[in-house]
Amino acid sequence: MPSKKVGLHEAAFAEAQAAYDWYATRNPAAAAAFIDELDHAIEQIGMFPDTGPSHLSGTRRYVMRRFPFTVIYRERERTIEIVAVAHARRRPGYWKERLKH
């Protein structure tokens, strides 16, 4: 099954980078594992976008298993946009403003 191209909103990229940096300063192996799991999430989202449960404002979500993050995404006609790489302690829906772009 062909997968759709997946892109990250610049704020989602910044969130992923910040999480990586946080883990890297404390445990480089955990930082590498975080990136591996995020890459796996993006691959799964691209191949099976409908499997993520419906979420707020027409988005879907992919909950990371080993880390307290949820990948929020929306499907477009030809692509999928990762809207947020949201830490579990963030206020739900803080990223909704990003949907306007």
N, C-alpha and C. Protein backbone atom coordinates (compact mmCIF):
# COMPACT_ATOMS: atom_id res chain seq x y z
N MET A 1 0.84 -1.17 0.00
CA MET A 1 0.00 0.00 0.00
C MET A 1 0.89 1.24 0.00
N PRO A 2 0.72 2.13 -0.96
CA PRO A 2 1.54 3.33 -0.99
C PRO A 2 1.17 4.26 0.17
N SER A 3 2.16 4.93 0.67
CA SER A 3 1.88 5.84 1.77
C SER A 3 1.82 7.28 1.26
N LYS A 4 1.12 8.11 2.00
CA LYS A 4 1.04 9.52 1.68
C LYS A 4 2.28 10.22 2.24
N LYS A 5 2.64 11.30 1.60
CA LYS A 5 3.76 12.10 2.09
C LYS A 5 3.32 12.76 3.39
N VAL A 6 4.19 12.71 4.38
CA VAL A 6 3.91 13.28 5.69
C VAL A 6 4.85 14.45 5.91
N GLY A 7 4.28 15.59 6.28
CA GLY A 7 5.08 16.76 6.60
C GLY A 7 4.78 17.24 8.00
N LEU A 8 5.74 17.93 8.59
CA LEU A 8 5.57 18.46 9.94
C LEU A 8 5.37 19.97 9.88
N HIS A 9 4.35 20.44 10.57
CA HIS A 9 4.19 21.87 10.78
C HIS A 9 5.47 22.34 11.48
N GLU A 10 5.91 23.55 11.19
CA GLU A 10 7.18 24.00 11.78
C GLU A 10 7.14 23.99 13.31
N ALA A 11 5.99 24.27 13.90
CA ALA A 11 5.89 24.23 15.36
C ALA A 11 5.96 22.78 15.87
N ALA A 12 5.43 21.84 15.13
CA ALA A 12 5.53 20.43 15.52
C ALA A 12 6.98 19.97 15.44
N PHE A 13 7.69 20.42 14.41
CA PHE A 13 9.12 20.10 14.29
C PHE A 13 9.87 20.66 15.50
N ALA A 14 9.56 21.89 15.87
CA ALA A 14 10.21 22.52 17.02
C ALA A 14 9.92 21.74 18.31
N GLU A 15 8.70 21.25 18.46
CA GLU A 15 8.35 20.45 19.64
C GLU A 15 9.16 19.16 19.67
N ALA A 16 9.26 18.50 18.53
CA ALA A 16 10.04 17.26 18.46
C ALA A 16 11.51 17.53 18.76
N GLN A 17 12.03 18.61 18.24
CA GLN A 17 13.43 18.97 18.48
C GLN A 17 13.66 19.27 19.96
N ALA A 18 12.74 20.00 20.57
CA ALA A 18 12.87 20.32 21.99
C ALA A 18 12.83 19.06 22.85
N ALA A 19 11.95 18.13 22.51
CA ALA A 19 11.87 16.87 23.26
C ALA A 19 13.17 16.08 23.10
N TYR A 20 13.66 16.01 21.87
CA TYR A 20 14.93 15.31 21.62
C TYR A 20 16.05 15.94 22.44
N ASP A 21 16.14 17.26 22.40
CA ASP A 21 17.20 17.96 23.13
C ASP A 21 17.11 17.68 24.63
N TRP A 22 15.88 17.67 25.17
CA TRP A 22 15.68 17.41 26.59
C TRP A 22 16.19 16.01 26.94
N TYR A 23 15.79 15.02 26.15
CA TYR A 23 16.25 13.65 26.41
C TYR A 23 17.75 13.53 26.21
N ALA A 24 18.29 14.19 25.19
CA ALA A 24 19.72 14.07 24.88
C ALA A 24 20.60 14.57 26.01
N THR A 25 20.17 15.62 26.71
CA THR A 25 20.99 16.13 27.81
C THR A 25 20.96 15.21 29.02
N ARG A 26 19.95 14.36 29.11
CA ARG A 26 19.80 13.49 30.26
C ARG A 26 20.20 12.04 29.98
N ASN A 27 19.91 11.59 28.75
CA ASN A 27 20.17 10.19 28.42
C ASN A 27 20.19 10.06 26.89
N PRO A 28 21.38 10.05 26.29
CA PRO A 28 21.47 9.97 24.82
C PRO A 28 20.76 8.76 24.22
N ALA A 29 20.75 7.64 24.92
CA ALA A 29 20.06 6.46 24.40
C ALA A 29 18.56 6.70 24.36
N ALA A 30 18.02 7.38 25.36
CA ALA A 30 16.59 7.71 25.37
C ALA A 30 16.27 8.68 24.24
N ALA A 31 17.18 9.61 23.96
CA ALA A 31 16.96 10.56 22.86
C ALA A 31 16.88 9.82 21.53
N ALA A 32 17.78 8.86 21.34
CA ALA A 32 17.77 8.06 20.11
C ALA A 32 16.49 7.23 20.02
N ALA A 33 16.07 6.68 21.14
CA ALA A 33 14.82 5.89 21.17
C ALA A 33 13.61 6.77 20.87
N PHE A 34 13.63 8.01 21.35
CA PHE A 34 12.53 8.93 21.07
C PHE A 34 12.43 9.17 19.56
N ILE A 35 13.55 9.45 18.92
CA ILE A 35 13.55 9.68 17.47
C ILE A 35 13.11 8.43 16.73
N ASP A 36 13.57 7.27 17.15
CA ASP A 36 13.15 6.02 16.51
C ASP A 36 11.64 5.85 16.60
N GLU A 37 11.08 6.11 17.79
CA GLU A 37 9.64 5.93 17.94
C GLU A 37 8.86 6.98 17.16
N LEU A 38 9.37 8.21 17.12
CA LEU A 38 8.70 9.25 16.34
C LEU A 38 8.75 8.91 14.85
N ASP A 39 9.89 8.43 14.38
CA ASP A 39 9.99 8.00 12.97
C ASP A 39 8.99 6.88 12.67
N HIS A 40 8.87 5.94 13.59
CA HIS A 40 7.92 4.84 13.41
C HIS A 40 6.48 5.38 13.36
N ALA A 41 6.17 6.32 14.24
CA ALA A 41 4.83 6.93 14.26
C ALA A 41 4.54 7.60 12.93
N ILE A 42 5.49 8.36 12.41
CA ILE A 42 5.30 9.06 11.14
C ILE A 42 5.11 8.06 9.99
N GLU A 43 5.87 6.99 10.01
CA GLU A 43 5.73 5.95 8.99
C GLU A 43 4.34 5.31 9.05
N GLN A 44 3.88 4.98 10.26
CA GLN A 44 2.57 4.36 10.42
C GLN A 44 1.45 5.31 10.01
N ILE A 45 1.58 6.56 10.37
CA ILE A 45 0.59 7.57 10.00
C ILE A 45 0.51 7.70 8.48
N GLY A 46 1.66 7.70 7.82
CA GLY A 46 1.67 7.81 6.36
C GLY A 46 1.05 6.62 5.67
N MET A 47 1.26 5.43 6.22
CA MET A 47 0.74 4.22 5.60
C MET A 47 -0.72 3.95 5.96
N PHE A 48 -1.11 4.29 7.18
CA PHE A 48 -2.45 3.97 7.68
C PHE A 48 -3.07 5.18 8.38
N PRO A 49 -3.31 6.26 7.68
CA PRO A 49 -3.78 7.48 8.34
C PRO A 49 -5.14 7.34 9.03
N ASP A 50 -5.98 6.45 8.56
CA ASP A 50 -7.31 6.31 9.15
C ASP A 50 -7.34 5.52 10.45
N THR A 51 -6.22 4.91 10.81
CA THR A 51 -6.23 4.08 12.02
C THR A 51 -6.13 4.89 13.29
N GLY A 52 -5.63 6.11 13.21
CA GLY A 52 -5.59 6.96 14.40
C GLY A 52 -6.99 7.39 14.77
N PRO A 53 -7.34 7.33 16.05
CA PRO A 53 -8.69 7.73 16.44
C PRO A 53 -8.94 9.21 16.18
N SER A 54 -10.17 9.53 15.88
CA SER A 54 -10.55 10.93 15.68
C SER A 54 -10.24 11.71 16.94
N HIS A 55 -9.87 12.97 16.71
CA HIS A 55 -9.47 13.82 17.82
C HIS A 55 -10.14 15.17 17.64
N LEU A 56 -9.62 16.19 18.21
CA LEU A 56 -10.20 17.52 18.17
C LEU A 56 -10.10 18.17 16.79
N SER A 57 -11.11 18.92 16.42
CA SER A 57 -11.10 19.78 15.22
C SER A 57 -10.73 19.04 13.94
N GLY A 58 -11.23 17.83 13.77
CA GLY A 58 -11.00 17.08 12.53
C GLY A 58 -9.62 16.48 12.41
N THR A 59 -8.91 16.38 13.51
CA THR A 59 -7.59 15.77 13.48
C THR A 59 -7.68 14.31 13.96
N ARG A 60 -6.56 13.64 13.88
CA ARG A 60 -6.43 12.30 14.43
C ARG A 60 -5.19 12.30 15.31
N ARG A 61 -5.02 11.24 16.09
CA ARG A 61 -3.87 11.20 16.99
C ARG A 61 -3.22 9.83 17.00
N TYR A 62 -1.95 9.85 17.25
CA TYR A 62 -1.15 8.64 17.40
C TYR A 62 -0.42 8.78 18.74
N VAL A 63 -0.72 7.91 19.66
CA VAL A 63 -0.10 7.97 20.98
C VAL A 63 1.19 7.16 20.96
N MET A 64 2.28 7.83 21.30
CA MET A 64 3.56 7.13 21.37
C MET A 64 3.55 6.20 22.58
N ARG A 65 4.15 5.04 22.45
CA ARG A 65 4.06 4.02 23.49
C ARG A 65 5.06 4.21 24.62
N ARG A 66 6.29 4.56 24.26
CA ARG A 66 7.34 4.62 25.28
C ARG A 66 7.58 6.02 25.84
N PHE A 67 6.96 7.00 25.25
CA PHE A 67 7.20 8.38 25.66
C PHE A 67 5.85 9.09 25.83
N PRO A 68 5.79 10.09 26.71
CA PRO A 68 4.51 10.75 27.00
C PRO A 68 4.15 11.82 25.95
N PHE A 69 4.09 11.39 24.70
CA PHE A 69 3.78 12.31 23.60
C PHE A 69 2.69 11.72 22.71
N THR A 70 1.91 12.61 22.14
CA THR A 70 0.90 12.24 21.16
C THR A 70 1.18 13.03 19.89
N VAL A 71 1.17 12.35 18.76
CA VAL A 71 1.35 12.99 17.46
C VAL A 71 -0.04 13.33 16.93
N ILE A 72 -0.30 14.61 16.76
CA ILE A 72 -1.59 15.09 16.25
C ILE A 72 -1.42 15.38 14.76
N TYR A 73 -2.33 14.85 13.94
CA TYR A 73 -2.18 15.04 12.50
C TYR A 73 -3.54 15.20 11.82
N ARG A 74 -3.46 15.73 10.62
CA ARG A 74 -4.68 15.83 9.80
C ARG A 74 -4.33 15.39 8.39
N GLU A 75 -5.30 14.73 7.80
CA GLU A 75 -5.12 14.22 6.45
C GLU A 75 -5.62 15.25 5.45
N ARG A 76 -4.81 15.49 4.46
CA ARG A 76 -5.18 16.35 3.35
C ARG A 76 -5.43 15.44 2.14
N GLU A 77 -5.79 16.04 1.03
CA GLU A 77 -6.08 15.23 -0.15
C GLU A 77 -4.88 14.38 -0.57
N ARG A 78 -3.70 14.98 -0.60
CA ARG A 78 -2.51 14.26 -1.07
C ARG A 78 -1.43 14.07 -0.02
N THR A 79 -1.58 14.75 1.09
CA THR A 79 -0.55 14.71 2.13
C THR A 79 -1.18 14.57 3.50
N ILE A 80 -0.30 14.37 4.46
CA ILE A 80 -0.69 14.36 5.87
C ILE A 80 0.19 15.38 6.57
N GLU A 81 -0.42 16.21 7.39
CA GLU A 81 0.33 17.21 8.14
C GLU A 81 0.35 16.85 9.61
N ILE A 82 1.55 16.74 10.17
CA ILE A 82 1.69 16.58 11.61
C ILE A 82 1.55 17.99 12.19
N VAL A 83 0.52 18.18 12.97
CA VAL A 83 0.21 19.50 13.53
C VAL A 83 0.95 19.73 14.84
N ALA A 84 1.13 18.67 15.63
CA ALA A 84 1.78 18.82 16.93
C ALA A 84 2.42 17.50 17.35
N VAL A 85 3.51 17.63 18.09
CA VAL A 85 4.10 16.52 18.82
C VAL A 85 3.92 16.95 20.28
N ALA A 86 2.76 16.59 20.82
CA ALA A 86 2.28 17.17 22.07
C ALA A 86 2.63 16.32 23.28
N HIS A 87 3.28 16.95 24.25
CA HIS A 87 3.55 16.27 25.51
C HIS A 87 2.23 16.04 26.23
N ALA A 88 2.12 14.95 26.93
CA ALA A 88 0.87 14.56 27.61
C ALA A 88 0.42 15.59 28.65
N ARG A 89 1.32 16.38 29.14
CA ARG A 89 0.95 17.37 30.16
C ARG A 89 0.54 18.73 29.58
N ARG A 90 0.63 18.86 28.27
CA ARG A 90 0.19 20.12 27.65
C ARG A 90 -1.33 20.20 27.64
N ARG A 91 -1.84 21.41 27.63
CA ARG A 91 -3.29 21.64 27.57
C ARG A 91 -3.83 21.07 26.27
N PRO A 92 -4.86 20.23 26.31
CA PRO A 92 -5.43 19.68 25.07
C PRO A 92 -5.87 20.80 24.13
N GLY A 93 -5.54 20.64 22.88
CA GLY A 93 -5.98 21.59 21.86
C GLY A 93 -5.16 22.87 21.77
N TYR A 94 -4.05 22.97 22.50
CA TYR A 94 -3.23 24.18 22.44
C TYR A 94 -2.76 24.49 21.02
N TRP A 95 -2.75 23.49 20.17
CA TRP A 95 -2.22 23.58 18.82
C TRP A 95 -3.29 23.96 17.79
N LYS A 96 -4.53 24.15 18.19
CA LYS A 96 -5.63 24.38 17.24
C LYS A 96 -5.39 25.58 16.32
N GLU A 97 -4.72 26.58 16.80
CA GLU A 97 -4.44 27.77 15.98
C GLU A 97 -3.62 27.39 14.73
N ARG A 98 -2.85 26.34 14.82
CA ARG A 98 -2.03 25.89 13.69
C ARG A 98 -2.87 25.38 12.52
N LEU A 99 -4.10 25.00 12.77
CA LEU A 99 -4.96 24.45 11.72
C LEU A 99 -5.40 25.52 10.73
N LYS A 100 -5.27 26.77 11.09
CA LYS A 100 -5.71 27.86 10.21
C LYS A 100 -4.75 28.11 9.07
N HIS A 101 -3.57 27.55 9.13
CA HIS A 101 -2.55 27.81 8.10
C HIS A 101 -2.54 26.73 7.06
